[in-house]
Amino acid sequence: MKKRLNINPQVYDDLRSIRDYISEDSPVNADKVIRELVAAIDRLPDMPEIGANLQNKVRQKTRYKYLLKYNYATLYYVGEEYIYVTLILHTSRDLSALRLVEPEER
């Protein structure tokens, strides 16, 4: 059975911030980046295991994965019924400092 997306509201804030930041230099590029980030998220139900294991980048054991697109990492967790998309951040941030809590299935 295909898993459904469960998107944290923080992701929408992250997308707005990314768009606003890139728009300062290029509104056209901002729209392109946001479209492609959203498209990558929308593909997750078809290919939930496509991302890299975040455990290789952080100081904690985790089942989170991440997708890289335009220097932005989309963090997500594959549960039994859902794919939880948690946040999007620039790869210049220290991923090893993240403290992630894996969501519980509902």
PDB file of N, CA and C in Angstrom:
ATOM      1  N   MET A   1       0.834  -1.182   0.000  1.00  0.00           N
ATOM      2  CA  MET A   1       0.000   0.000   0.000  1.00  0.00           C
ATOM      3  C   MET A   1       0.884   1.253   0.000  1.00  0.00           C
ATOM      4  N   LYS A   2       0.522   2.196  -0.823  1.00  0.00           N
ATOM      5  CA  LYS A   2       1.265   3.455  -0.927  1.00  0.00           C
ATOM      6  C   LYS A   2       1.100   4.269   0.361  1.00  0.00           C
ATOM      7  N   LYS A   3       2.216   4.768   0.870  1.00  0.00           N
ATOM      8  CA  LYS A   3       2.186   5.583   2.084  1.00  0.00           C
ATOM      9  C   LYS A   3       1.722   6.995   1.752  1.00  0.00           C
ATOM     10  N   ARG A   4       1.102   7.639   2.725  1.00  0.00           N
ATOM     11  CA  ARG A   4       0.637   9.010   2.545  1.00  0.00           C
ATOM     12  C   ARG A   4       1.630   9.975   3.173  1.00  0.00           C
ATOM     13  N   LEU A   5       1.625  11.204   2.661  1.00  0.00           N
ATOM     14  CA  LEU A   5       2.497  12.242   3.208  1.00  0.00           C
ATOM     15  C   LEU A   5       1.861  12.886   4.430  1.00  0.00           C
ATOM     16  N   ASN A   6       2.666  13.136   5.431  1.00  0.00           N
ATOM     17  CA  ASN A   6       2.273  13.913   6.597  1.00  0.00           C
ATOM     18  C   ASN A   6       3.325  15.020   6.705  1.00  0.00           C
ATOM     19  N   ILE A   7       2.935  16.230   6.321  1.00  0.00           N
ATOM     20  CA  ILE A   7       3.896  17.321   6.227  1.00  0.00           C
ATOM     21  C   ILE A   7       3.764  18.237   7.434  1.00  0.00           C
ATOM     22  N   ASN A   8       4.852  18.391   8.150  1.00  0.00           N
ATOM     23  CA  ASN A   8       4.916  19.288   9.301  1.00  0.00           C
ATOM     24  C   ASN A   8       4.689  20.718   8.811  1.00  0.00           C
ATOM     25  N   PRO A   9       3.867  21.513   9.512  1.00  0.00           N
ATOM     26  CA  PRO A   9       3.665  22.909   9.106  1.00  0.00           C
ATOM     27  C   PRO A   9       4.969  23.695   8.980  1.00  0.00           C
ATOM     28  N   GLN A  10       5.998  23.292   9.691  1.00  0.00           N
ATOM     29  CA  GLN A  10       7.297  23.961   9.598  1.00  0.00           C
ATOM     30  C   GLN A  10       7.841  23.934   8.171  1.00  0.00           C
ATOM     31  N   VAL A  11       7.524  22.881   7.416  1.00  0.00           N
ATOM     32  CA  VAL A  11       8.001  22.753   6.043  1.00  0.00           C
ATOM     33  C   VAL A  11       7.489  23.914   5.190  1.00  0.00           C
ATOM     34  N   TYR A  12       6.244  24.310   5.397  1.00  0.00           N
ATOM     35  CA  TYR A  12       5.681  25.429   4.626  1.00  0.00           C
ATOM     36  C   TYR A  12       6.382  26.739   4.990  1.00  0.00           C
ATOM     37  N   ASP A  13       6.694  26.906   6.265  1.00  0.00           N
ATOM     38  CA  ASP A  13       7.469  28.084   6.678  1.00  0.00           C
ATOM     39  C   ASP A  13       8.861  28.065   6.058  1.00  0.00           C
ATOM     40  N   ASP A  14       9.479  26.882   6.030  1.00  0.00           N
ATOM     41  CA  ASP A  14      10.807  26.751   5.426  1.00  0.00           C
ATOM     42  C   ASP A  14      10.766  27.120   3.945  1.00  0.00           C
ATOM     43  N   LEU A  15       9.751  26.639   3.239  1.00  0.00           N
ATOM     44  CA  LEU A  15       9.630  26.941   1.811  1.00  0.00           C
ATOM     45  C   LEU A  15       9.442  28.439   1.570  1.00  0.00           C
ATOM     46  N   ARG A  16       8.635  29.083   2.401  1.00  0.00           N
ATOM     47  CA  ARG A  16       8.444  30.538   2.267  1.00  0.00           C
ATOM     48  C   ARG A  16       9.751  31.280   2.512  1.00  0.00           C
ATOM     49  N   SER A  17      10.483  30.872   3.523  1.00  0.00           N
ATOM     50  CA  SER A  17      11.763  31.519   3.834  1.00  0.00           C
ATOM     51  C   SER A  17      12.768  31.344   2.703  1.00  0.00           C
ATOM     52  N   ILE A  18      12.815  30.148   2.147  1.00  0.00           N
ATOM     53  CA  ILE A  18      13.723  29.876   1.028  1.00  0.00           C
ATOM     54  C   ILE A  18      13.343  30.743  -0.169  1.00  0.00           C
ATOM     55  N   ARG A  19      12.051  30.768  -0.492  1.00  0.00           N
ATOM     56  CA  ARG A  19      11.582  31.589  -1.617  1.00  0.00           C
ATOM     57  C   ARG A  19      11.924  33.059  -1.391  1.00  0.00           C
ATOM     58  N   ASP A  20      11.658  33.563  -0.193  1.00  0.00           N
ATOM     59  CA  ASP A  20      11.933  34.971   0.099  1.00  0.00           C
ATOM     60  C   ASP A  20      13.420  35.286  -0.031  1.00  0.00           C
ATOM     61  N   TYR A  21      14.259  34.401   0.465  1.00  0.00           N
ATOM     62  CA  TYR A  21      15.709  34.622   0.418  1.00  0.00           C
ATOM     63  C   TYR A  21      16.215  34.647  -1.028  1.00  0.00           C
ATOM     64  N   ILE A  22      15.816  33.645  -1.814  1.00  0.00           N
ATOM     65  CA  ILE A  22      16.293  33.572  -3.199  1.00  0.00           C
ATOM     66  C   ILE A  22      15.698  34.704  -4.035  1.00  0.00           C
ATOM     67  N   SER A  23      14.473  35.087  -3.738  1.00  0.00           N
ATOM     68  CA  SER A  23      13.798  36.157  -4.490  1.00  0.00           C
ATOM     69  C   SER A  23      14.522  37.494  -4.408  1.00  0.00           C
ATOM     70  N   GLU A  24      15.303  37.687  -3.363  1.00  0.00           N
ATOM     71  CA  GLU A  24      16.057  38.933  -3.248  1.00  0.00           C
ATOM     72  C   GLU A  24      16.988  39.118  -4.450  1.00  0.00           C
ATOM     73  N   ASP A  25      17.512  38.013  -4.968  1.00  0.00           N
ATOM     74  CA  ASP A  25      18.399  38.066  -6.137  1.00  0.00           C
ATOM     75  C   ASP A  25      17.688  37.704  -7.429  1.00  0.00           C
ATOM     76  N   SER A  26      16.777  36.723  -7.348  1.00  0.00           N
ATOM     77  CA  SER A  26      16.154  36.245  -8.584  1.00  0.00           C
ATOM     78  C   SER A  26      14.788  35.596  -8.303  1.00  0.00           C
ATOM     79  N   PRO A  27      13.706  36.329  -8.511  1.00  0.00           N
ATOM     80  CA  PRO A  27      12.368  35.742  -8.317  1.00  0.00           C
ATOM     81  C   PRO A  27      12.126  34.518  -9.206  1.00  0.00           C
ATOM     82  N   VAL A  28      12.680  34.531 -10.404  1.00  0.00           N
ATOM     83  CA  VAL A  28      12.499  33.395 -11.316  1.00  0.00           C
ATOM     84  C   VAL A  28      13.159  32.147 -10.739  1.00  0.00           C
ATOM     85  N   ASN A  29      14.394  32.282 -10.262  1.00  0.00           N
ATOM     86  CA  ASN A  29      15.082  31.141  -9.654  1.00  0.00           C
ATOM     87  C   ASN A  29      14.384  30.683  -8.381  1.00  0.00           C
ATOM     88  N   ALA A  30      13.846  31.623  -7.617  1.00  0.00           N
ATOM     89  CA  ALA A  30      13.133  31.268  -6.386  1.00  0.00           C
ATOM     90  C   ALA A  30      11.954  30.357  -6.709  1.00  0.00           C
ATOM     91  N   ASP A  31      11.180  30.733  -7.711  1.00  0.00           N
ATOM     92  CA  ASP A  31      10.035  29.910  -8.102  1.00  0.00           C
ATOM     93  C   ASP A  31      10.473  28.531  -8.574  1.00  0.00           C
ATOM     94  N   LYS A  32      11.556  28.479  -9.331  1.00  0.00           N
ATOM     95  CA  LYS A  32      12.063  27.196  -9.835  1.00  0.00           C
ATOM     96  C   LYS A  32      12.491  26.289  -8.687  1.00  0.00           C
ATOM     97  N   VAL A  33      13.249  26.832  -7.747  1.00  0.00           N
ATOM     98  CA  VAL A  33      13.731  26.035  -6.619  1.00  0.00           C
ATOM     99  C   VAL A  33      12.561  25.502  -5.796  1.00  0.00           C
ATOM    100  N   ILE A  34      11.587  26.357  -5.503  1.00  0.00           N
ATOM    101  CA  ILE A  34      10.439  25.924  -4.704  1.00  0.00           C
ATOM    102  C   ILE A  34       9.643  24.846  -5.439  1.00  0.00           C
ATOM    103  N   ARG A  35       9.406  25.042  -6.729  1.00  0.00           N
ATOM    104  CA  ARG A  35       8.684  24.027  -7.509  1.00  0.00           C
ATOM    105  C   ARG A  35       9.395  22.676  -7.442  1.00  0.00           C
ATOM    106  N   GLU A  36      10.711  22.692  -7.560  1.00  0.00           N
ATOM    107  CA  GLU A  36      11.457  21.429  -7.562  1.00  0.00           C
ATOM    108  C   GLU A  36      11.534  20.794  -6.175  1.00  0.00           C
ATOM    109  N   LEU A  37      11.617  21.607  -5.141  1.00  0.00           N
ATOM    110  CA  LEU A  37      11.580  21.049  -3.777  1.00  0.00           C
ATOM    111  C   LEU A  37      10.234  20.388  -3.506  1.00  0.00           C
ATOM    112  N   VAL A  38       9.161  21.061  -3.894  1.00  0.00           N
ATOM    113  CA  VAL A  38       7.811  20.509  -3.692  1.00  0.00           C
ATOM    114  C   VAL A  38       7.623  19.252  -4.541  1.00  0.00           C
ATOM    115  N   ALA A  39       8.105  19.256  -5.766  1.00  0.00           N
ATOM    116  CA  ALA A  39       7.988  18.078  -6.630  1.00  0.00           C
ATOM    117  C   ALA A  39       8.718  16.880  -6.024  1.00  0.00           C
ATOM    118  N   ALA A  40       9.879  17.123  -5.429  1.00  0.00           N
ATOM    119  CA  ALA A  40      10.632  16.030  -4.792  1.00  0.00           C
ATOM    120  C   ALA A  40       9.840  15.445  -3.620  1.00  0.00           C
ATOM    121  N   ILE A  41       9.202  16.313  -2.843  1.00  0.00           N
ATOM    122  CA  ILE A  41       8.376  15.846  -1.728  1.00  0.00           C
ATOM    123  C   ILE A  41       7.188  15.052  -2.258  1.00  0.00           C
ATOM    124  N   ASP A  42       6.559  15.548  -3.303  1.00  0.00           N
ATOM    125  CA  ASP A  42       5.396  14.868  -3.878  1.00  0.00           C
ATOM    126  C   ASP A  42       5.728  13.487  -4.436  1.00  0.00           C
ATOM    127  N   ARG A  43       6.983  13.265  -4.811  1.00  0.00           N
ATOM    128  CA  ARG A  43       7.402  11.952  -5.333  1.00  0.00           C
ATOM    129  C   ARG A  43       7.682  10.932  -4.227  1.00  0.00           C
ATOM    130  N   LEU A  44       7.797  11.374  -3.000  1.00  0.00           N
ATOM    131  CA  LEU A  44       8.162  10.462  -1.914  1.00  0.00           C
ATOM    132  C   LEU A  44       7.223   9.261  -1.753  1.00  0.00           C
ATOM    133  N   PRO A  45       5.902   9.419  -1.887  1.00  0.00           N
ATOM    134  CA  PRO A  45       5.061   8.221  -1.751  1.00  0.00           C
ATOM    135  C   PRO A  45       5.386   7.132  -2.774  1.00  0.00           C
ATOM    136  N   ASP A  46       5.889   7.519  -3.944  1.00  0.00           N
ATOM    137  CA  ASP A  46       6.248   6.532  -4.962  1.00  0.00           C
ATOM    138  C   ASP A  46       7.634   5.930  -4.733  1.00  0.00           C
ATOM    139  N   MET A  47       8.512   6.702  -4.081  1.00  0.00           N
ATOM    140  CA  MET A  47       9.894   6.244  -3.861  1.00  0.00           C
ATOM    141  C   MET A  47      10.368   6.669  -2.469  1.00  0.00           C
ATOM    142  N   PRO A  48       9.779   6.132  -1.400  1.00  0.00           N
ATOM    143  CA  PRO A  48      10.114   6.607  -0.055  1.00  0.00           C
ATOM    144  C   PRO A  48      11.557   6.342   0.375  1.00  0.00           C
ATOM    145  N   GLU A  49      12.208   5.403  -0.229  1.00  0.00           N
ATOM    146  CA  GLU A  49      13.576   5.060   0.184  1.00  0.00           C
ATOM    147  C   GLU A  49      14.643   5.772  -0.639  1.00  0.00           C
ATOM    148  N   ILE A  50      14.244   6.734  -1.455  1.00  0.00           N
ATOM    149  CA  ILE A  50      15.187   7.405  -2.364  1.00  0.00           C
ATOM    150  C   ILE A  50      16.237   8.234  -1.622  1.00  0.00           C
ATOM    151  N   GLY A  51      15.907   8.763  -0.467  1.00  0.00           N
ATOM    152  CA  GLY A  51      16.824   9.649   0.248  1.00  0.00           C
ATOM    153  C   GLY A  51      17.993   8.926   0.884  1.00  0.00           C
ATOM    154  N   ALA A  52      18.991   9.718   1.260  1.00  0.00           N
ATOM    155  CA  ALA A  52      20.162   9.179   1.962  1.00  0.00           C
ATOM    156  C   ALA A  52      19.858   9.072   3.454  1.00  0.00           C
ATOM    157  N   ASN A  53      20.544   8.182   4.128  1.00  0.00           N
ATOM    158  CA  ASN A  53      20.346   8.016   5.571  1.00  0.00           C
ATOM    159  C   ASN A  53      20.964   9.179   6.331  1.00  0.00           C
ATOM    160  N   LEU A  54      20.158   9.849   7.122  1.00  0.00           N
ATOM    161  CA  LEU A  54      20.635  10.985   7.904  1.00  0.00           C
ATOM    162  C   LEU A  54      21.582  10.541   9.011  1.00  0.00           C
ATOM    163  N   GLN A  55      21.455   9.307   9.439  1.00  0.00           N
ATOM    164  CA  GLN A  55      22.298   8.794  10.519  1.00  0.00           C
ATOM    165  C   GLN A  55      23.784   8.946  10.193  1.00  0.00           C
ATOM    166  N   ASN A  56      24.123   8.975   8.921  1.00  0.00           N
ATOM    167  CA  ASN A  56      25.520   9.147   8.519  1.00  0.00           C
ATOM    168  C   ASN A  56      26.019  10.571   8.738  1.00  0.00           C
ATOM    169  N   LYS A  57      25.102  11.514   9.017  1.00  0.00           N
ATOM    170  CA  LYS A  57      25.467  12.928   9.162  1.00  0.00           C
ATOM    171  C   LYS A  57      25.245  13.495  10.562  1.00  0.00           C
ATOM    172  N   VAL A  58      24.552  12.777  11.425  1.00  0.00           N
ATOM    173  CA  VAL A  58      24.205  13.301  12.751  1.00  0.00           C
ATOM    174  C   VAL A  58      24.812  12.453  13.856  1.00  0.00           C
ATOM    175  N   ARG A  59      24.719  12.979  15.066  1.00  0.00           N
ATOM    176  CA  ARG A  59      25.330  12.299  16.217  1.00  0.00           C
ATOM    177  C   ARG A  59      24.333  11.457  16.996  1.00  0.00           C
ATOM    178  N   GLN A  60      23.307  11.016  16.357  1.00  0.00           N
ATOM    179  CA  GLN A  60      22.325  10.187  17.038  1.00  0.00           C
ATOM    180  C   GLN A  60      21.833   9.106  16.092  1.00  0.00           C
ATOM    181  N   LYS A  61      21.344   8.041  16.683  1.00  0.00           N
ATOM    182  CA  LYS A  61      20.769   6.976  15.865  1.00  0.00           C
ATOM    183  C   LYS A  61      19.387   7.438  15.428  1.00  0.00           C
ATOM    184  N   THR A  62      19.130   7.365  14.135  1.00  0.00           N
ATOM    185  CA  THR A  62      17.855   7.816  13.604  1.00  0.00           C
ATOM    186  C   THR A  62      17.531   7.076  12.324  1.00  0.00           C
ATOM    187  N   ARG A  63      16.248   7.001  12.041  1.00  0.00           N
ATOM    188  CA  ARG A  63      15.811   6.409  10.776  1.00  0.00           C
ATOM    189  C   ARG A  63      15.418   7.491   9.772  1.00  0.00           C
ATOM    190  N   TYR A  64      15.683   8.753  10.097  1.00  0.00           N
ATOM    191  CA  TYR A  64      15.380   9.840   9.158  1.00  0.00           C
ATOM    192  C   TYR A  64      16.233   9.692   7.899  1.00  0.00           C
ATOM    193  N   LYS A  65      15.684  10.188   6.816  1.00  0.00           N
ATOM    194  CA  LYS A  65      16.379  10.255   5.540  1.00  0.00           C
ATOM    195  C   LYS A  65      16.354  11.712   5.091  1.00  0.00           C
ATOM    196  N   TYR A  66      17.137  12.009   4.069  1.00  0.00           N
ATOM    197  CA  TYR A  66      17.093  13.361   3.533  1.00  0.00           C
ATOM    198  C   TYR A  66      17.295  13.331   2.026  1.00  0.00           C
ATOM    199  N   LEU A  67      16.632  14.296   1.375  1.00  0.00           N
ATOM    200  CA  LEU A  67      16.791  14.516  -0.061  1.00  0.00           C
ATOM    201  C   LEU A  67      17.561  15.803  -0.247  1.00  0.00           C
ATOM    202  N   LEU A  68      18.507  15.822  -1.149  1.00  0.00           N
ATOM    203  CA  LEU A  68      19.248  17.045  -1.457  1.00  0.00           C
ATOM    204  C   LEU A  68      18.784  17.610  -2.786  1.00  0.00           C
ATOM    205  N   LYS A  69      18.513  18.901  -2.776  1.00  0.00           N
ATOM    206  CA  LYS A  69      18.123  19.609  -3.996  1.00  0.00           C
ATOM    207  C   LYS A  69      18.533  21.056  -3.819  1.00  0.00           C
ATOM    208  N   TYR A  70      19.372  21.567  -4.717  1.00  0.00           N
ATOM    209  CA  TYR A  70      19.806  22.969  -4.677  1.00  0.00           C
ATOM    210  C   TYR A  70      20.374  23.365  -3.305  1.00  0.00           C
ATOM    211  N   ASN A  71      21.190  22.554  -2.724  1.00  0.00           N
ATOM    212  CA  ASN A  71      21.810  22.824  -1.415  1.00  0.00           C
ATOM    213  C   ASN A  71      20.805  22.887  -0.268  1.00  0.00           C
ATOM    214  N   TYR A  72      19.640  22.301  -0.451  1.00  0.00           N
ATOM    215  CA  TYR A  72      18.646  22.211   0.619  1.00  0.00           C
ATOM    216  C   TYR A  72      18.383  20.740   0.914  1.00  0.00           C
ATOM    217  N   ALA A  73      18.334  20.413   2.191  1.00  0.00           N
ATOM    218  CA  ALA A  73      18.055  19.049   2.623  1.00  0.00           C
ATOM    219  C   ALA A  73      16.625  18.986   3.154  1.00  0.00           C
ATOM    220  N   THR A  74      15.821  18.131   2.553  1.00  0.00           N
ATOM    221  CA  THR A  74      14.460  17.876   3.035  1.00  0.00           C
ATOM    222  C   THR A  74      14.530  16.639   3.908  1.00  0.00           C
ATOM    223  N   LEU A  75      14.221  16.788   5.192  1.00  0.00           N
ATOM    224  CA  LEU A  75      14.299  15.681   6.132  1.00  0.00           C
ATOM    225  C   LEU A  75      12.947  15.007   6.264  1.00  0.00           C
ATOM    226  N   TYR A  76      12.969  13.681   6.230  1.00  0.00           N
ATOM    227  CA  TYR A  76      11.727  12.926   6.354  1.00  0.00           C
ATOM    228  C   TYR A  76      11.980  11.575   7.013  1.00  0.00           C
ATOM    229  N   TYR A  77      10.893  10.985   7.478  1.00  0.00           N
ATOM    230  CA  TYR A  77      10.913   9.721   8.185  1.00  0.00           C
ATOM    231  C   TYR A  77       9.839   8.828   7.583  1.00  0.00           C
ATOM    232  N   VAL A  78      10.177   7.606   7.277  1.00  0.00           N
ATOM    233  CA  VAL A  78       9.225   6.664   6.700  1.00  0.00           C
ATOM    234  C   VAL A  78       8.639   5.817   7.823  1.00  0.00           C
ATOM    235  N   GLY A  79       7.328   6.000   8.055  1.00  0.00           N
ATOM    236  CA  GLY A  79       6.622   5.224   9.062  1.00  0.00           C
ATOM    237  C   GLY A  79       5.830   4.095   8.421  1.00  0.00           C
ATOM    238  N   GLU A  80       5.005   3.451   9.226  1.00  0.00           N
ATOM    239  CA  GLU A  80       4.196   2.342   8.718  1.00  0.00           C
ATOM    240  C   GLU A  80       3.162   2.799   7.691  1.00  0.00           C
ATOM    241  N   GLU A  81       2.466   3.906   7.991  1.00  0.00           N
ATOM    242  CA  GLU A  81       1.410   4.392   7.104  1.00  0.00           C
ATOM    243  C   GLU A  81       1.758   5.705   6.421  1.00  0.00           C
ATOM    244  N   TYR A  82       2.646   6.463   7.030  1.00  0.00           N
ATOM    245  CA  TYR A  82       2.939   7.805   6.550  1.00  0.00           C
ATOM    246  C   TYR A  82       4.418   8.005   6.254  1.00  0.00           C
ATOM    247  N   ILE A  83       4.667   8.982   5.421  1.00  0.00           N
ATOM    248  CA  ILE A  83       5.998   9.543   5.255  1.00  0.00           C
ATOM    249  C   ILE A  83       5.921  10.918   5.897  1.00  0.00           C
ATOM    250  N   TYR A  84       6.653  11.102   6.978  1.00  0.00           N
ATOM    251  CA  TYR A  84       6.629  12.353   7.727  1.00  0.00           C
ATOM    252  C   TYR A  84       7.718  13.283   7.198  1.00  0.00           C
ATOM    253  N   VAL A  85       7.313  14.367   6.578  1.00  0.00           N
ATOM    254  CA  VAL A  85       8.260  15.366   6.087  1.00  0.00           C
ATOM    255  C   VAL A  85       8.363  16.412   7.190  1.00  0.00           C
ATOM    256  N   THR A  86       9.560  16.569   7.751  1.00  0.00           N
ATOM    257  CA  THR A  86       9.737  17.336   8.977  1.00  0.00           C
ATOM    258  C   THR A  86      10.222  18.754   8.762  1.00  0.00           C
ATOM    259  N   LEU A  87      11.272  18.933   7.951  1.00  0.00           N
ATOM    260  CA  LEU A  87      11.803  20.269   7.736  1.00  0.00           C
ATOM    261  C   LEU A  87      12.697  20.300   6.516  1.00  0.00           C
ATOM    262  N   ILE A  88      12.969  21.520   6.071  1.00  0.00           N
ATOM    263  CA  ILE A  88      13.902  21.745   4.965  1.00  0.00           C
ATOM    264  C   ILE A  88      14.915  22.767   5.451  1.00  0.00           C
ATOM    265  N   LEU A  89      16.192  22.455   5.284  1.00  0.00           N
ATOM    266  CA  LEU A  89      17.206  23.406   5.707  1.00  0.00           C
ATOM    267  C   LEU A  89      18.369  23.419   4.740  1.00  0.00           C
ATOM    268  N   HIS A  90      19.094  24.515   4.744  1.00  0.00           N
ATOM    269  CA  HIS A  90      20.248  24.667   3.864  1.00  0.00           C
ATOM    270  C   HIS A  90      21.364  23.761   4.354  1.00  0.00           C
ATOM    271  N   THR A  91      22.091  23.206   3.416  1.00  0.00           N
ATOM    272  CA  THR A  91      23.144  22.257   3.790  1.00  0.00           C
ATOM    273  C   THR A  91      24.346  22.914   4.464  1.00  0.00           C
ATOM    274  N   SER A  92      24.390  24.239   4.477  1.00  0.00           N
ATOM    275  CA  SER A  92      25.470  24.899   5.208  1.00  0.00           C
ATOM    276  C   SER A  92      25.251  24.812   6.719  1.00  0.00           C
ATOM    277  N   ARG A  93      24.039  24.468   7.119  1.00  0.00           N
ATOM    278  CA  ARG A  93      23.748  24.276   8.540  1.00  0.00           C
ATOM    279  C   ARG A  93      24.423  23.000   9.021  1.00  0.00           C
ATOM    280  N   ASP A  94      24.723  22.956  10.285  1.00  0.00           N
ATOM    281  CA  ASP A  94      25.389  21.802  10.882  1.00  0.00           C
ATOM    282  C   ASP A  94      24.355  20.707  11.156  1.00  0.00           C
ATOM    283  N   LEU A  95      24.246  19.760  10.252  1.00  0.00           N
ATOM    284  CA  LEU A  95      23.276  18.685  10.429  1.00  0.00           C
ATOM    285  C   LEU A  95      23.582  17.828  11.651  1.00  0.00           C
ATOM    286  N   SER A  96      24.839  17.755  12.039  1.00  0.00           N
ATOM    287  CA  SER A  96      25.197  16.923  13.188  1.00  0.00           C
ATOM    288  C   SER A  96      24.647  17.487  14.495  1.00  0.00           C
ATOM    289  N   ALA A  97      24.257  18.759  14.504  1.00  0.00           N
ATOM    290  CA  ALA A  97      23.707  19.373  15.720  1.00  0.00           C
ATOM    291  C   ALA A  97      22.205  19.122  15.875  1.00  0.00           C
ATOM    292  N   LEU A  98      21.582  18.547  14.875  1.00  0.00           N
ATOM    293  CA  LEU A  98      20.139  18.299  14.953  1.00  0.00           C
ATOM    294  C   LEU A  98      19.813  17.265  16.017  1.00  0.00           C
ATOM    295  N   ARG A  99      18.715  17.500  16.708  1.00  0.00           N
ATOM    296  CA  ARG A  99      18.178  16.520  17.657  1.00  0.00           C
ATOM    297  C   ARG A  99      16.786  16.177  17.163  1.00  0.00           C
ATOM    298  N   LEU A 100      16.662  15.029  16.540  1.00  0.00           N
ATOM    299  CA  LEU A 100      15.415  14.658  15.888  1.00  0.00           C
ATOM    300  C   LEU A 100      14.628  13.655  16.717  1.00  0.00           C
ATOM    301  N   VAL A 101      13.331  13.862  16.744  1.00  0.00           N
ATOM    302  CA  VAL A 101      12.429  12.931  17.411  1.00  0.00           C
ATOM    303  C   VAL A 101      11.629  12.237  16.321  1.00  0.00           C
ATOM    304  N   GLU A 102      11.665  10.947  16.345  1.00  0.00           N
ATOM    305  CA  GLU A 102      10.915  10.213  15.330  1.00  0.00           C
ATOM    306  C   GLU A 102       9.459  10.184  15.725  1.00  0.00           C
ATOM    307  N   PRO A 103       8.578  10.577  14.806  1.00  0.00           N
ATOM    308  CA  PRO A 103       7.146  10.625  15.121  1.00  0.00           C
ATOM    309  C   PRO A 103       6.577   9.245  15.356  1.00  0.00           C
ATOM    310  N   GLU A 104       5.518   9.202  16.135  1.00  0.00           N
ATOM    311  CA  GLU A 104       4.831   7.945  16.381  1.00  0.00           C
ATOM    312  C   GLU A 104       3.687   7.826  15.392  1.00  0.00           C
ATOM    313  N   GLU A 105       3.423   6.601  14.983  1.00  0.00           N
ATOM    314  CA  GLU A 105       2.300   6.362  14.071  1.00  0.00           C
ATOM    315  C   GLU A 105       0.999   6.636  14.799  1.00  0.00           C
ATOM    316  N   ARG A 106       0.050   7.131  14.049  1.00  0.00           N
ATOM    317  CA  ARG A 106      -1.272   7.413  14.621  1.00  0.00           C
ATOM    318  C   ARG A 106      -2.219   6.290  14.325  1.00  0.00           C
TER     319      ARG A 106
END
